[in-house]
Protein backbone atom coordinates (compact mmCIF):
# COMPACT_ATOMS: atom_id res chain seq x y z
CA MET A 1 -176.47 111.85 42.66
CA THR A 2 -180.39 111.10 43.86
CA VAL A 3 -182.54 107.66 42.83
CA HIS A 4 -185.56 108.29 40.76
CA ASP A 5 -188.55 107.15 41.88
CA PRO A 6 -191.13 106.76 38.75
CA ALA A 7 -193.82 106.53 41.40
CA LEU A 8 -193.15 109.80 43.20
CA GLY A 9 -195.50 112.61 41.77
CA SER A 10 -196.92 110.29 39.15
CA GLN A 11 -200.70 110.34 40.81
CA ALA A 12 -202.24 113.24 42.00
CA ALA A 13 -203.15 112.37 45.83
CA PHE A 14 -206.64 113.87 47.17
CA ARG A 15 -206.19 112.61 50.62
CA LEU A 16 -203.81 112.71 53.21
CA SER A 17 -203.49 109.29 54.05
CA GLN A 18 -202.23 108.93 50.24
CA LEU A 19 -199.03 110.81 51.48
CA ASP A 20 -195.64 109.37 52.85
CA ASP A 21 -195.08 109.84 56.51
CA LEU A 22 -192.69 112.73 55.26
CA GLU A 23 -195.12 114.46 53.47
CA ALA A 24 -198.09 113.60 55.53
CA CYS A 25 -196.00 115.52 58.75
CA VAL A 26 -195.12 118.37 56.62
CA VAL A 27 -199.19 118.98 55.96
CA ILE A 28 -200.20 118.45 59.38
CA TYR A 29 -197.39 120.72 60.78
CA LEU A 30 -198.48 123.63 58.08
CA ARG A 31 -201.92 122.94 59.11
CA LEU A 32 -200.76 123.52 63.04
CA TRP A 33 -198.81 126.34 62.27
CA CYS A 34 -201.28 127.78 60.33
CA ALA A 35 -204.25 127.60 63.11
CA GLY A 36 -202.62 129.87 65.46
CA PRO A 37 -200.84 129.82 68.53
CA GLN A 38 -202.47 126.42 69.58
CA GLY A 39 -201.73 124.78 66.62
CA ARG A 40 -198.19 126.07 67.06
CA CYS A 41 -197.84 124.95 70.58
CA ALA A 42 -199.31 121.58 69.24
CA MET A 43 -196.45 121.13 66.21
CA ARG A 44 -193.61 122.30 68.90
CA SER A 45 -194.71 119.54 71.49
CA ASP A 46 -194.51 116.62 69.01
CA LEU A 47 -191.34 117.69 68.12
CA THR A 48 -189.97 117.74 71.27
CA ASN A 49 -191.46 114.64 71.78
CA GLY A 50 -190.16 113.14 69.05
CA LEU A 51 -186.66 115.17 68.24
CA GLY A 52 -186.25 116.16 72.10
CA LYS A 53 -186.15 119.92 73.23
CA SER A 54 -182.61 121.45 71.51
CA ARG A 55 -183.31 119.63 67.91
CA ALA A 56 -186.91 120.88 68.05
CA ASP A 57 -185.91 124.36 68.48
CA LEU A 58 -183.53 123.96 65.38
CA THR A 59 -186.64 122.19 63.69
CA THR A 60 -189.19 124.66 64.38
CA LYS A 61 -186.73 127.66 63.49
CA ALA A 62 -185.95 125.81 60.03
CA PHE A 63 -189.91 125.70 59.77
CA ALA A 64 -190.55 129.39 60.55
CA ALA A 65 -187.72 130.54 58.29
CA MET A 66 -189.44 128.47 55.27
CA VAL A 67 -192.74 129.95 56.23
CA ASP A 68 -191.68 133.23 56.87
CA LEU A 69 -190.02 133.35 53.36
CA LEU A 70 -193.60 132.15 51.93
CA ALA A 71 -195.21 134.45 53.45
CA LEU A 72 -193.21 137.86 52.72
CA HIS A 73 -192.50 136.53 49.47
CA ARG A 74 -195.02 134.35 47.78
CA ARG A 75 -196.56 134.71 44.76
CA ARG A 76 -199.97 133.85 45.38
CA PRO A 77 -201.14 132.42 49.02
CA LEU A 78 -200.87 128.82 50.01
CA HIS A 79 -204.01 127.04 50.69
CA HIS A 80 -204.75 124.39 53.07
CA HIS A 81 -207.56 122.43 54.54
CA ALA A 82 -208.54 122.77 57.86
CA LEU A 83 -206.34 120.54 60.41
CA ASN A 84 -208.91 117.90 60.81
CA SER A 85 -209.54 117.65 57.32
CA ALA A 86 -208.75 113.92 55.51
CA CYS A 87 -208.82 115.93 52.09
CA LEU A 88 -205.69 117.11 50.37
CA HIS A 89 -205.28 120.65 48.86
CA PRO A 90 -203.43 120.35 46.09
CA ASP A 91 -201.28 123.48 47.33
CA GLU A 92 -200.64 121.40 50.28
CA ALA A 93 -199.75 118.26 48.20
CA ASN A 94 -197.17 120.55 46.32
CA PHE A 95 -196.01 122.11 49.48
CA ALA A 96 -195.19 118.67 50.97
CA ARG A 97 -193.62 116.98 47.74
CA PHE A 98 -191.39 120.45 47.62
CA VAL A 99 -190.10 119.70 51.24
CA ALA A 100 -189.49 116.07 50.51
CA ASN A 101 -188.09 116.39 47.53
CA ALA A 102 -185.48 119.34 48.98
CA ALA A 103 -184.85 116.67 51.71
CA SER A 104 -184.06 113.59 49.29
CA GLY A 105 -181.42 115.73 47.65
CA ASP A 106 -183.46 116.29 44.45
CA ARG A 107 -182.69 119.68 44.17
CA GLU A 108 -183.41 120.76 40.65
CA ASP A 109 -187.34 119.49 41.45
CA ALA A 110 -187.19 121.17 44.80
CA LEU A 111 -186.08 124.37 43.16
CA TRP A 112 -188.58 124.10 40.25
CA LEU A 113 -190.98 124.34 42.69
CA ALA A 114 -190.05 126.77 44.91
CA MET A 115 -190.15 129.07 41.72
CA LEU A 116 -193.44 128.30 41.74
CA MET A 117 -194.05 129.56 45.41
CA VAL A 118 -191.81 132.48 45.61
CA ARG A 119 -189.49 134.92 43.27
CA ALA A 120 -187.02 133.04 41.03
CA ASP A 121 -183.77 134.67 43.34
CA LEU A 122 -185.13 133.46 46.20
CA ALA A 123 -185.92 129.62 45.28
CA PRO A 124 -182.22 128.59 46.57
CA GLN A 125 -182.78 130.07 50.05
CA LEU A 126 -186.59 128.33 50.20
CA THR A 127 -184.94 125.41 49.06
CA ALA A 128 -182.02 125.31 51.50
CA VAL A 129 -184.55 125.83 54.65
CA ALA A 130 -186.69 123.13 53.34
CA ALA A 131 -184.06 120.82 52.84
CA ASP A 132 -182.96 121.10 56.59
CA PHE A 133 -186.33 121.40 57.60
CA GLY A 134 -187.31 117.95 56.14
CA LEU A 135 -183.69 116.05 57.01
CA ARG A 136 -185.13 116.93 60.22
CA ILE A 137 -188.39 115.44 59.82
CA ARG A 138 -187.02 112.27 58.33
CA GLN A 139 -184.59 111.68 61.00
CA MET A 140 -187.62 112.27 63.57
CA LEU A 141 -189.35 109.28 61.54
CA VAL A 142 -186.20 106.95 61.28
CA GLN A 143 -184.59 107.26 64.35
CA ARG A 144 -187.51 107.37 66.89
CA PRO A 145 -190.66 106.27 65.01
CA ASP A 146 -192.94 104.97 67.92
CA GLN A 147 -192.43 108.59 69.54
CA ALA A 148 -192.63 110.71 65.95
CA THR A 149 -196.31 110.92 65.73
CA CYS A 150 -196.91 114.04 63.72
CA LEU A 151 -200.04 113.91 65.40
CA HIS A 152 -201.74 111.35 62.88
């Protein structure tokens, strides 16, 4: 059972600073991943600083699986802003909300959002991977807040 927070999702976010820490990390990691090998290396370094090497490996694999599913089975491209942009694209906000919902156990809302991104038959798989990734990021933020920077 999840606790319903009426403030979540009730207001559009237009700036990265309006997101909570988990959602901001998701957006930043998406931007880094899409920036190519150097961005992926920066993401991996940040995860290693926050989680340690072995858990960073698992977290990176979960993120890669999620992005691969989106790349192979997307309904349409997932748009994002440049890495240093303070603005937030609606696709980024929805993707971050999707991961946050999956990580918090709000499976129905996460599945609904997943079906907007991929075919309905792949939505449970995408949601499971997003939950794994989101929980790992949440763990990083809670257990080691001084080391978990998410590069922001």
